[in-house]
Amino acid sequence: MAVHAMTAARRATASVTAGLLVLAGLSSCTPSVKAVTGLTADTGGRPLAALAWCADRPPDVVVLRIADDLASPSPSDAPTPSANWPEWRYHVQQRDLTSPATVELTGFPPSPGPDLGTGFRMRVLTRNNSFTSHDVSFRLPELADLKPGSVLITTIEANEEVQKTVSLDEFARLGRNAC
């Protein structure tokens, strides 16, 4: 009888533990998408991160990194990009920004730079993981086509990533509709 009671207690404890693990897993989801990230240029032709969001506050940081899935193979004597070009983080300094906004990409592109075929991916994050953005992916030659007042974005069409250039007004609308 004592063995039966101990077995029943272990089963009950295991069931409660499993339920708590499932609940913890469900509550630690990835951040929701409430923003759009794009790429634009200032009047001097320098690249800027373009941000548009529908959250109650602006994002905290712009993250720019080499996109492994977009990187071209390097010649065998070329350095590995991730060893020479770290992830760049640009803090959004002004907490009273309104959407859309831009952030200067200081130090980008690096000099000497990676191979022109190297792909980059950029997104925004918040410190508390309350939201993130749709990424923009690009390669260095696309920086030459950037113009003030237009924004390069990445959309998904027929399960493929597609680069598009939209007006600043359209970009702002995409940010409002991200929620």
N, C-alpha and C. Protein backbone atom coordinates (compact mmCIF):
# COMPACT_ATOMS: atom_id res chain seq x y z
N MET A 1 0.82 -1.19 0.00
CA MET A 1 0.00 0.00 0.00
C MET A 1 0.86 1.26 0.00
N ALA A 2 1.96 1.24 0.79
CA ALA A 2 2.85 2.40 0.85
C ALA A 2 3.53 2.63 -0.49
N VAL A 3 3.86 1.52 -1.19
CA VAL A 3 4.50 1.64 -2.51
C VAL A 3 3.54 2.29 -3.49
N HIS A 4 2.27 1.88 -3.44
CA HIS A 4 1.25 2.47 -4.33
C HIS A 4 1.09 3.97 -4.07
N ALA A 5 1.09 4.39 -2.82
CA ALA A 5 0.94 5.80 -2.46
C ALA A 5 2.14 6.61 -2.96
N MET A 6 3.36 6.04 -2.83
CA MET A 6 4.56 6.75 -3.30
C MET A 6 4.56 6.87 -4.82
N THR A 7 4.13 5.82 -5.51
CA THR A 7 4.07 5.86 -6.96
C THR A 7 3.06 6.91 -7.42
N ALA A 8 1.92 6.97 -6.78
CA ALA A 8 0.90 7.95 -7.12
C ALA A 8 1.42 9.37 -6.86
N ALA A 9 2.13 9.57 -5.77
CA ALA A 9 2.69 10.89 -5.46
C ALA A 9 3.72 11.30 -6.49
N ARG A 10 4.57 10.36 -6.92
CA ARG A 10 5.58 10.66 -7.94
C ARG A 10 4.92 11.03 -9.27
N ARG A 11 3.88 10.31 -9.62
CA ARG A 11 3.17 10.61 -10.88
C ARG A 11 2.54 12.00 -10.82
N ALA A 12 1.94 12.33 -9.69
CA ALA A 12 1.32 13.65 -9.54
C ALA A 12 2.37 14.75 -9.62
N THR A 13 3.50 14.53 -8.95
CA THR A 13 4.60 15.51 -9.00
C THR A 13 5.13 15.65 -10.41
N ALA A 14 5.30 14.54 -11.12
CA ALA A 14 5.80 14.58 -12.50
C ALA A 14 4.81 15.32 -13.40
N SER A 15 3.54 15.11 -13.21
CA SER A 15 2.52 15.79 -14.02
C SER A 15 2.54 17.29 -13.78
N VAL A 16 2.64 17.70 -12.52
CA VAL A 16 2.69 19.12 -12.19
C VAL A 16 3.96 19.74 -12.77
N THR A 17 5.09 19.07 -12.65
CA THR A 17 6.35 19.56 -13.18
C THR A 17 6.27 19.71 -14.70
N ALA A 18 5.72 18.71 -15.37
CA ALA A 18 5.58 18.80 -16.83
C ALA A 18 4.69 19.97 -17.23
N GLY A 19 3.60 20.16 -16.50
CA GLY A 19 2.71 21.29 -16.79
C GLY A 19 3.40 22.63 -16.61
N LEU A 20 4.21 22.76 -15.56
CA LEU A 20 4.95 24.00 -15.34
C LEU A 20 5.99 24.25 -16.44
N LEU A 21 6.65 23.19 -16.90
CA LEU A 21 7.63 23.34 -17.99
C LEU A 21 6.95 23.78 -19.28
N VAL A 22 5.79 23.22 -19.58
CA VAL A 22 5.05 23.62 -20.78
C VAL A 22 4.61 25.07 -20.66
N LEU A 23 4.11 25.46 -19.50
CA LEU A 23 3.69 26.84 -19.27
C LEU A 23 4.86 27.81 -19.42
N ALA A 24 6.02 27.45 -18.86
CA ALA A 24 7.21 28.30 -18.99
C ALA A 24 7.63 28.42 -20.45
N GLY A 25 7.57 27.32 -21.18
CA GLY A 25 7.93 27.36 -22.60
C GLY A 25 6.99 28.23 -23.41
N LEU A 26 5.71 28.19 -23.11
CA LEU A 26 4.75 29.00 -23.83
C LEU A 26 4.88 30.48 -23.51
N SER A 27 5.28 30.80 -22.29
CA SER A 27 5.37 32.21 -21.91
C SER A 27 6.69 32.85 -22.33
N SER A 28 7.67 32.07 -22.77
CA SER A 28 8.94 32.64 -23.20
C SER A 28 9.05 32.63 -24.71
N CYS A 29 8.04 33.15 -25.37
CA CYS A 29 8.00 33.19 -26.83
C CYS A 29 8.96 34.24 -27.36
N THR A 30 9.19 34.18 -28.66
CA THR A 30 10.01 35.19 -29.30
C THR A 30 9.24 36.50 -29.33
N PRO A 31 9.97 37.62 -29.40
CA PRO A 31 9.29 38.92 -29.42
C PRO A 31 8.38 39.05 -30.65
N SER A 32 7.30 39.77 -30.49
CA SER A 32 6.40 40.00 -31.62
C SER A 32 6.99 41.05 -32.55
N VAL A 33 6.59 41.00 -33.81
CA VAL A 33 7.06 41.96 -34.81
C VAL A 33 6.13 43.17 -34.77
N LYS A 34 6.70 44.32 -34.42
CA LYS A 34 5.93 45.57 -34.36
C LYS A 34 6.68 46.70 -35.05
N ALA A 35 7.60 46.35 -35.95
CA ALA A 35 8.40 47.37 -36.62
C ALA A 35 8.89 46.85 -37.97
N VAL A 36 9.34 47.80 -38.77
CA VAL A 36 9.94 47.50 -40.07
C VAL A 36 11.29 48.21 -40.10
N THR A 37 12.30 47.51 -40.59
CA THR A 37 13.62 48.09 -40.72
C THR A 37 13.93 48.26 -42.20
N GLY A 38 14.52 49.38 -42.54
CA GLY A 38 14.91 49.64 -43.92
C GLY A 38 16.25 50.33 -43.97
N LEU A 39 16.66 50.65 -45.17
CA LEU A 39 17.93 51.31 -45.39
C LEU A 39 17.70 52.51 -46.29
N THR A 40 18.22 53.66 -45.90
CA THR A 40 18.10 54.87 -46.69
C THR A 40 19.44 55.59 -46.68
N ALA A 41 19.48 56.79 -47.20
CA ALA A 41 20.72 57.57 -47.23
C ALA A 41 20.42 59.01 -46.85
N ASP A 42 21.45 59.68 -46.30
CA ASP A 42 21.30 61.11 -46.05
C ASP A 42 21.69 61.88 -47.31
N THR A 43 21.64 63.18 -47.27
CA THR A 43 21.92 63.98 -48.47
C THR A 43 23.37 63.84 -48.93
N GLY A 44 24.27 63.40 -48.05
CA GLY A 44 25.66 63.17 -48.43
C GLY A 44 25.90 61.76 -48.95
N GLY A 45 24.84 60.94 -49.03
CA GLY A 45 24.98 59.58 -49.54
C GLY A 45 25.38 58.55 -48.50
N ARG A 46 25.50 58.94 -47.23
CA ARG A 46 25.86 57.98 -46.18
C ARG A 46 24.64 57.13 -45.81
N PRO A 47 24.85 55.82 -45.61
CA PRO A 47 23.72 54.94 -45.28
C PRO A 47 23.16 55.21 -43.89
N LEU A 48 21.85 55.11 -43.78
CA LEU A 48 21.14 55.27 -42.51
C LEU A 48 20.18 54.10 -42.33
N ALA A 49 20.03 53.66 -41.09
CA ALA A 49 18.99 52.69 -40.79
C ALA A 49 17.67 53.46 -40.73
N ALA A 50 16.65 52.94 -41.38
CA ALA A 50 15.32 53.53 -41.33
C ALA A 50 14.46 52.64 -40.44
N LEU A 51 13.76 53.24 -39.49
CA LEU A 51 12.94 52.50 -38.54
C LEU A 51 11.51 53.04 -38.57
N ALA A 52 10.55 52.14 -38.62
CA ALA A 52 9.14 52.52 -38.50
C ALA A 52 8.49 51.49 -37.59
N TRP A 53 7.70 51.94 -36.62
CA TRP A 53 7.12 51.02 -35.64
C TRP A 53 5.71 51.44 -35.27
N CYS A 54 4.99 50.46 -34.70
CA CYS A 54 3.64 50.71 -34.23
C CYS A 54 3.53 50.49 -32.72
N ALA A 55 4.64 50.18 -32.07
CA ALA A 55 4.65 49.98 -30.61
C ALA A 55 4.51 51.33 -29.91
N ASP A 56 4.33 51.28 -28.60
CA ASP A 56 4.15 52.50 -27.80
C ASP A 56 5.41 53.33 -27.68
N ARG A 57 6.56 52.72 -27.91
CA ARG A 57 7.82 53.44 -27.79
C ARG A 57 8.77 52.97 -28.88
N PRO A 58 9.81 53.75 -29.16
CA PRO A 58 10.74 53.35 -30.21
C PRO A 58 11.60 52.16 -29.77
N PRO A 59 12.20 51.47 -30.73
CA PRO A 59 13.12 50.39 -30.38
C PRO A 59 14.37 50.96 -29.70
N ASP A 60 15.16 50.08 -29.08
CA ASP A 60 16.34 50.51 -28.35
C ASP A 60 17.64 50.41 -29.14
N VAL A 61 17.71 49.43 -30.04
CA VAL A 61 18.98 49.19 -30.71
C VAL A 61 18.75 48.68 -32.13
N VAL A 62 19.62 49.10 -33.04
CA VAL A 62 19.65 48.59 -34.41
C VAL A 62 20.82 47.60 -34.46
N VAL A 63 20.55 46.39 -34.93
CA VAL A 63 21.57 45.36 -35.03
C VAL A 63 21.83 45.09 -36.51
N LEU A 64 23.10 45.21 -36.91
CA LEU A 64 23.52 45.00 -38.29
C LEU A 64 24.59 43.92 -38.26
N ARG A 65 24.40 42.87 -39.06
CA ARG A 65 25.37 41.78 -39.05
C ARG A 65 25.50 41.19 -40.44
N ILE A 66 26.56 40.44 -40.63
CA ILE A 66 26.72 39.69 -41.87
C ILE A 66 25.68 38.58 -41.86
N ALA A 67 25.01 38.43 -42.97
CA ALA A 67 23.97 37.40 -43.08
C ALA A 67 24.60 36.15 -43.69
N ASP A 68 24.74 35.12 -42.88
CA ASP A 68 25.37 33.89 -43.36
C ASP A 68 24.66 33.33 -44.57
N ASP A 69 23.35 33.45 -44.60
CA ASP A 69 22.59 32.88 -45.72
C ASP A 69 22.69 33.73 -46.98
N LEU A 70 23.26 34.95 -46.89
CA LEU A 70 23.41 35.80 -48.06
C LEU A 70 24.87 35.96 -48.47
N ALA A 71 25.80 35.46 -47.66
CA ALA A 71 27.21 35.68 -47.92
C ALA A 71 27.69 34.83 -49.09
N SER A 72 28.46 35.45 -49.96
CA SER A 72 29.07 34.74 -51.08
C SER A 72 30.29 33.99 -50.57
N PRO A 73 30.62 32.86 -51.19
CA PRO A 73 31.83 32.16 -50.75
C PRO A 73 33.05 33.04 -50.99
N SER A 74 33.96 33.04 -50.02
CA SER A 74 35.18 33.84 -50.14
C SER A 74 36.28 32.99 -50.75
N PRO A 75 37.22 33.62 -51.47
CA PRO A 75 38.38 32.87 -51.93
C PRO A 75 39.11 32.27 -50.73
N SER A 76 39.84 31.20 -50.93
CA SER A 76 40.47 30.50 -49.81
C SER A 76 41.45 31.37 -49.04
N ASP A 77 42.05 32.39 -49.69
CA ASP A 77 43.00 33.24 -48.98
C ASP A 77 42.33 34.46 -48.33
N ALA A 78 41.03 34.62 -48.52
CA ALA A 78 40.32 35.76 -47.94
C ALA A 78 39.98 35.48 -46.50
N PRO A 79 39.99 36.51 -45.64
CA PRO A 79 39.63 36.29 -44.23
C PRO A 79 38.15 35.96 -44.10
N THR A 80 37.83 35.25 -43.06
CA THR A 80 36.44 34.94 -42.78
C THR A 80 35.74 36.22 -42.32
N PRO A 81 34.65 36.64 -42.96
CA PRO A 81 34.02 37.91 -42.62
C PRO A 81 33.67 38.04 -41.15
N SER A 82 33.16 37.00 -40.52
CA SER A 82 32.72 37.13 -39.13
C SER A 82 33.90 37.40 -38.19
N ALA A 83 35.12 37.03 -38.59
CA ALA A 83 36.28 37.29 -37.76
C ALA A 83 36.73 38.74 -37.88
N ASN A 84 36.44 39.38 -38.99
CA ASN A 84 36.92 40.74 -39.23
C ASN A 84 35.83 41.80 -39.13
N TRP A 85 34.60 41.44 -39.31
CA TRP A 85 33.51 42.40 -39.28
C TRP A 85 32.49 41.94 -38.26
N PRO A 86 32.57 42.51 -37.08
CA PRO A 86 31.67 42.07 -36.01
C PRO A 86 30.25 42.51 -36.27
N GLU A 87 29.41 42.11 -35.38
CA GLU A 87 28.04 42.61 -35.39
C GLU A 87 28.09 44.07 -34.92
N TRP A 88 27.43 44.94 -35.66
CA TRP A 88 27.37 46.35 -35.27
C TRP A 88 26.08 46.57 -34.50
N ARG A 89 26.15 47.35 -33.43
CA ARG A 89 24.98 47.72 -32.64
C ARG A 89 24.94 49.23 -32.53
N TYR A 90 23.82 49.79 -32.92
CA TYR A 90 23.63 51.24 -32.87
C TYR A 90 22.48 51.53 -31.91
N HIS A 91 22.78 52.22 -30.83
CA HIS A 91 21.76 52.51 -29.84
C HIS A 91 20.90 53.69 -30.29
N VAL A 92 19.61 53.53 -30.15
CA VAL A 92 18.67 54.61 -30.47
C VAL A 92 18.70 55.54 -29.27
N GLN A 93 19.31 56.70 -29.44
CA GLN A 93 19.59 57.59 -28.32
C GLN A 93 18.36 58.35 -27.83
N GLN A 94 17.57 58.85 -28.73
CA GLN A 94 16.44 59.69 -28.34
C GLN A 94 15.22 58.83 -28.03
N ARG A 95 14.75 58.89 -26.82
CA ARG A 95 13.60 58.08 -26.41
C ARG A 95 12.29 58.72 -26.83
N ASP A 96 12.32 59.98 -27.30
CA ASP A 96 11.09 60.65 -27.71
C ASP A 96 10.92 60.65 -29.23
N LEU A 97 11.63 59.77 -29.92
CA LEU A 97 11.50 59.68 -31.38
C LEU A 97 10.08 59.31 -31.78
N THR A 98 9.69 59.81 -32.93
CA THR A 98 8.42 59.38 -33.50
C THR A 98 8.71 58.59 -34.77
N SER A 99 7.81 57.71 -35.10
CA SER A 99 7.97 56.85 -36.27
C SER A 99 7.54 57.59 -37.52
N PRO A 100 8.26 57.48 -38.61
CA PRO A 100 9.53 56.80 -38.84
C PRO A 100 10.70 57.67 -38.39
N ALA A 101 11.86 57.01 -38.20
CA ALA A 101 13.06 57.70 -37.78
C ALA A 101 14.27 57.07 -38.46
N THR A 102 15.40 57.73 -38.39
CA THR A 102 16.63 57.17 -38.94
C THR A 102 17.71 57.16 -37.87
N VAL A 103 18.66 56.23 -38.04
CA VAL A 103 19.80 56.11 -37.15
C VAL A 103 21.05 56.05 -38.02
N GLU A 104 22.04 56.88 -37.71
CA GLU A 104 23.28 56.89 -38.47
C GLU A 104 24.05 55.60 -38.24
N LEU A 105 24.56 55.01 -39.30
CA LEU A 105 25.32 53.76 -39.23
C LEU A 105 26.81 54.09 -39.20
N THR A 106 27.27 54.65 -38.11
CA THR A 106 28.65 55.06 -37.95
C THR A 106 29.59 53.87 -38.13
N GLY A 107 30.61 54.04 -38.96
CA GLY A 107 31.59 52.98 -39.17
C GLY A 107 31.16 51.92 -40.17
N PHE A 108 30.07 52.14 -40.83
CA PHE A 108 29.60 51.19 -41.82
C PHE A 108 29.45 51.92 -43.15
N PRO A 109 29.90 51.35 -44.25
CA PRO A 109 30.58 50.06 -44.35
C PRO A 109 32.01 50.15 -43.85
N PRO A 110 32.55 49.02 -43.38
CA PRO A 110 33.90 49.01 -42.84
C PRO A 110 34.93 49.24 -43.95
N SER A 111 36.09 49.72 -43.54
CA SER A 111 37.17 49.91 -44.50
C SER A 111 38.43 49.30 -43.92
N PRO A 112 39.07 48.38 -44.56
CA PRO A 112 38.66 47.79 -45.83
C PRO A 112 37.43 46.93 -45.63
N GLY A 113 36.61 46.89 -46.63
CA GLY A 113 35.34 46.20 -46.52
C GLY A 113 35.38 44.76 -46.97
N PRO A 114 34.32 44.07 -46.70
CA PRO A 114 34.21 42.69 -47.16
C PRO A 114 33.97 42.64 -48.66
N ASP A 115 33.98 41.46 -49.19
CA ASP A 115 33.69 41.22 -50.60
C ASP A 115 32.35 41.85 -50.95
N LEU A 116 32.22 42.40 -52.15
CA LEU A 116 30.98 43.07 -52.55
C LEU A 116 29.78 42.13 -52.54
N GLY A 117 29.99 40.83 -52.63
CA GLY A 117 28.88 39.88 -52.60
C GLY A 117 28.40 39.51 -51.21
N THR A 118 29.10 40.02 -50.19
CA THR A 118 28.71 39.71 -48.82
C THR A 118 27.36 40.34 -48.51
N GLY A 119 26.49 39.54 -47.94
CA GLY A 119 25.17 40.03 -47.57
C GLY A 119 25.13 40.48 -46.12
N PHE A 120 24.27 41.45 -45.86
CA PHE A 120 24.07 41.98 -44.52
C PHE A 120 22.59 41.91 -44.18
N ARG A 121 22.29 41.81 -42.90
CA ARG A 121 20.92 41.79 -42.41
C ARG A 121 20.83 42.75 -41.24
N MET A 122 19.76 43.55 -41.22
CA MET A 122 19.60 44.54 -40.17
C MET A 122 18.19 44.45 -39.60
N ARG A 123 18.09 44.63 -38.28
CA ARG A 123 16.80 44.64 -37.58
C ARG A 123 16.89 45.49 -36.34
N VAL A 124 15.76 45.75 -35.72
CA VAL A 124 15.75 46.48 -34.45
C VAL A 124 15.27 45.56 -33.34
N LEU A 125 15.70 45.89 -32.13
CA LEU A 125 15.33 45.13 -30.94
C LEU A 125 15.03 46.09 -29.80
N THR A 126 14.40 45.55 -28.77
CA THR A 126 14.20 46.31 -27.54
C THR A 126 14.96 45.59 -26.42
N ARG A 127 15.34 46.34 -25.41
CA ARG A 127 16.08 45.74 -24.29
C ARG A 127 15.26 44.69 -23.55
N ASN A 128 13.95 44.89 -23.49
CA ASN A 128 13.10 43.95 -22.76
C ASN A 128 12.45 42.90 -23.67
N ASN A 129 12.90 42.82 -24.92
CA ASN A 129 12.38 41.85 -25.89
C ASN A 129 10.87 41.99 -26.12
N SER A 130 10.34 43.19 -25.97
CA SER A 130 8.90 43.38 -26.17
C SER A 130 8.51 43.33 -27.64
N PHE A 131 9.44 43.72 -28.54
CA PHE A 131 9.17 43.59 -29.97
C PHE A 131 10.45 43.62 -30.77
N THR A 132 10.33 43.23 -32.01
CA THR A 132 11.43 43.26 -32.97
C THR A 132 10.86 43.75 -34.30
N SER A 133 11.65 43.65 -35.35
CA SER A 133 11.21 44.17 -36.64
C SER A 133 11.38 43.14 -37.74
N HIS A 134 10.76 43.43 -38.88
CA HIS A 134 11.07 42.72 -40.11
C HIS A 134 12.47 43.15 -40.51
N ASP A 135 13.30 42.20 -40.92
CA ASP A 135 14.67 42.51 -41.33
C ASP A 135 14.70 43.19 -42.69
N VAL A 136 15.81 43.87 -42.95
CA VAL A 136 16.15 44.28 -44.30
C VAL A 136 17.48 43.60 -44.60
N SER A 137 17.58 42.99 -45.76
CA SER A 137 18.83 42.37 -46.17
C SER A 137 19.34 43.10 -47.40
N PHE A 138 20.66 43.19 -47.52
CA PHE A 138 21.25 43.93 -48.63
C PHE A 138 22.70 43.54 -48.81
N ARG A 139 23.26 43.96 -49.92
CA ARG A 139 24.69 43.80 -50.23
C ARG A 139 25.27 45.20 -50.44
N LEU A 140 26.57 45.33 -50.33
CA LEU A 140 27.23 46.64 -50.41
C LEU A 140 26.93 47.40 -51.70
N PRO A 141 26.88 46.76 -52.89
CA PRO A 141 26.59 47.54 -54.10
C PRO A 141 25.23 48.25 -54.05
N GLU A 142 24.29 47.74 -53.27
CA GLU A 142 22.97 48.36 -53.17
C GLU A 142 23.01 49.69 -52.43
N LEU A 143 24.10 49.95 -51.67
CA LEU A 143 24.23 51.22 -50.97
C LEU A 143 24.33 52.38 -51.96
N ALA A 144 24.93 52.13 -53.13
CA ALA A 144 25.10 53.19 -54.14
C ALA A 144 23.77 53.68 -54.69
N ASP A 145 22.74 52.83 -54.64
CA ASP A 145 21.43 53.19 -55.19
C ASP A 145 20.52 53.90 -54.19
N LEU A 146 20.97 54.04 -52.94
CA LEU A 146 20.13 54.66 -51.92
C LEU A 146 19.99 56.15 -52.17
N LYS A 147 18.79 56.65 -51.97
CA LYS A 147 18.51 58.07 -52.17
C LYS A 147 17.72 58.60 -50.98
N PRO A 148 17.98 59.84 -50.58
CA PRO A 148 17.18 60.43 -49.49
C PRO A 148 15.69 60.42 -49.89
N GLY A 149 14.84 60.08 -48.94
CA GLY A 149 13.40 60.07 -49.20
C GLY A 149 12.87 58.74 -49.69
N SER A 150 13.76 57.79 -50.00
CA SER A 150 13.30 56.45 -50.37
C SER A 150 13.99 55.45 -49.43
N VAL A 151 13.36 54.30 -49.26
CA VAL A 151 13.84 53.32 -48.29
C VAL A 151 13.88 51.94 -48.94
N LEU A 152 15.02 51.27 -48.82
CA LEU A 152 15.16 49.89 -49.29
C LEU A 152 14.63 48.97 -48.20
N ILE A 153 13.70 48.09 -48.56
CA ILE A 153 13.14 47.13 -47.60
C ILE A 153 13.24 45.73 -48.21
N THR A 154 13.02 44.74 -47.39
CA THR A 154 12.95 43.36 -47.85
C THR A 154 11.55 42.84 -47.57
N THR A 155 10.92 42.30 -48.59
CA THR A 155 9.60 41.69 -48.42
C THR A 155 9.70 40.23 -48.82
N ILE A 156 8.68 39.47 -48.47
CA ILE A 156 8.61 38.06 -48.86
C ILE A 156 7.51 37.94 -49.91
N GLU A 157 7.86 37.48 -51.08
CA GLU A 157 6.91 37.27 -52.16
C GLU A 157 7.16 35.88 -52.73
N ALA A 158 6.13 35.06 -52.76
CA ALA A 158 6.23 33.68 -53.25
C ALA A 158 7.38 32.95 -52.54
N ASN A 159 7.44 33.10 -51.21
CA ASN A 159 8.44 32.46 -50.37
C ASN A 159 9.87 32.85 -50.70
N GLU A 160 10.07 33.98 -51.34
CA GLU A 160 11.40 34.48 -51.68
C GLU A 160 11.57 35.88 -51.09
N GLU A 161 12.79 36.18 -50.63
CA GLU A 161 13.09 37.54 -50.20
C GLU A 161 13.28 38.42 -51.43
N VAL A 162 12.61 39.57 -51.42
CA VAL A 162 12.68 40.49 -52.55
C VAL A 162 13.01 41.88 -52.02
N GLN A 163 14.00 42.54 -52.63
CA GLN A 163 14.34 43.91 -52.29
C GLN A 163 13.37 44.83 -53.02
N LYS A 164 12.90 45.84 -52.31
CA LYS A 164 12.00 46.85 -52.87
C LYS A 164 12.43 48.20 -52.37
N THR A 165 12.24 49.21 -53.17
CA THR A 165 12.45 50.58 -52.72
C THR A 165 11.08 51.24 -52.64
N VAL A 166 10.79 51.82 -51.47
CA VAL A 166 9.50 52.46 -51.25
C VAL A 166 9.74 53.90 -50.81
N SER A 167 8.72 54.72 -50.94
CA SER A 167 8.82 56.11 -50.47
C SER A 167 8.81 56.12 -48.94
N LEU A 168 9.25 57.22 -48.38
CA LEU A 168 9.24 57.36 -46.92
C LEU A 168 7.82 57.27 -46.37
N ASP A 169 6.83 57.81 -47.11
CA ASP A 169 5.43 57.72 -46.68
C ASP A 169 4.95 56.27 -46.66
N GLU A 170 5.30 55.50 -47.68
CA GLU A 170 4.93 54.08 -47.73
C GLU A 170 5.61 53.32 -46.60
N PHE A 171 6.86 53.64 -46.33
CA PHE A 171 7.59 53.00 -45.24
C PHE A 171 6.92 53.28 -43.90
N ALA A 172 6.50 54.52 -43.68
CA ALA A 172 5.80 54.88 -42.45
C ALA A 172 4.49 54.09 -42.32
N ARG A 173 3.77 53.92 -43.44
CA ARG A 173 2.53 53.14 -43.43
C ARG A 173 2.81 51.68 -43.07
N LEU A 174 3.89 51.11 -43.62
CA LEU A 174 4.25 49.73 -43.28
C LEU A 174 4.53 49.59 -41.79
N GLY A 175 5.17 50.59 -41.20
CA GLY A 175 5.43 50.56 -39.77
C GLY A 175 4.15 50.62 -38.95
N ARG A 176 3.22 51.49 -39.35
CA ARG A 176 1.93 51.58 -38.65
C ARG A 176 1.16 50.27 -38.74
N ASN A 177 1.29 49.58 -39.87
CA ASN A 177 0.54 48.34 -40.09
C ASN A 177 1.25 47.10 -39.56
N ALA A 178 2.42 47.26 -38.95
CA ALA A 178 3.19 46.10 -38.48
C ALA A 178 2.50 45.40 -37.30
N CYS A 179 1.65 46.07 -36.57
CA CYS A 179 0.99 45.46 -35.41
C CYS A 179 -0.18 44.59 -35.81
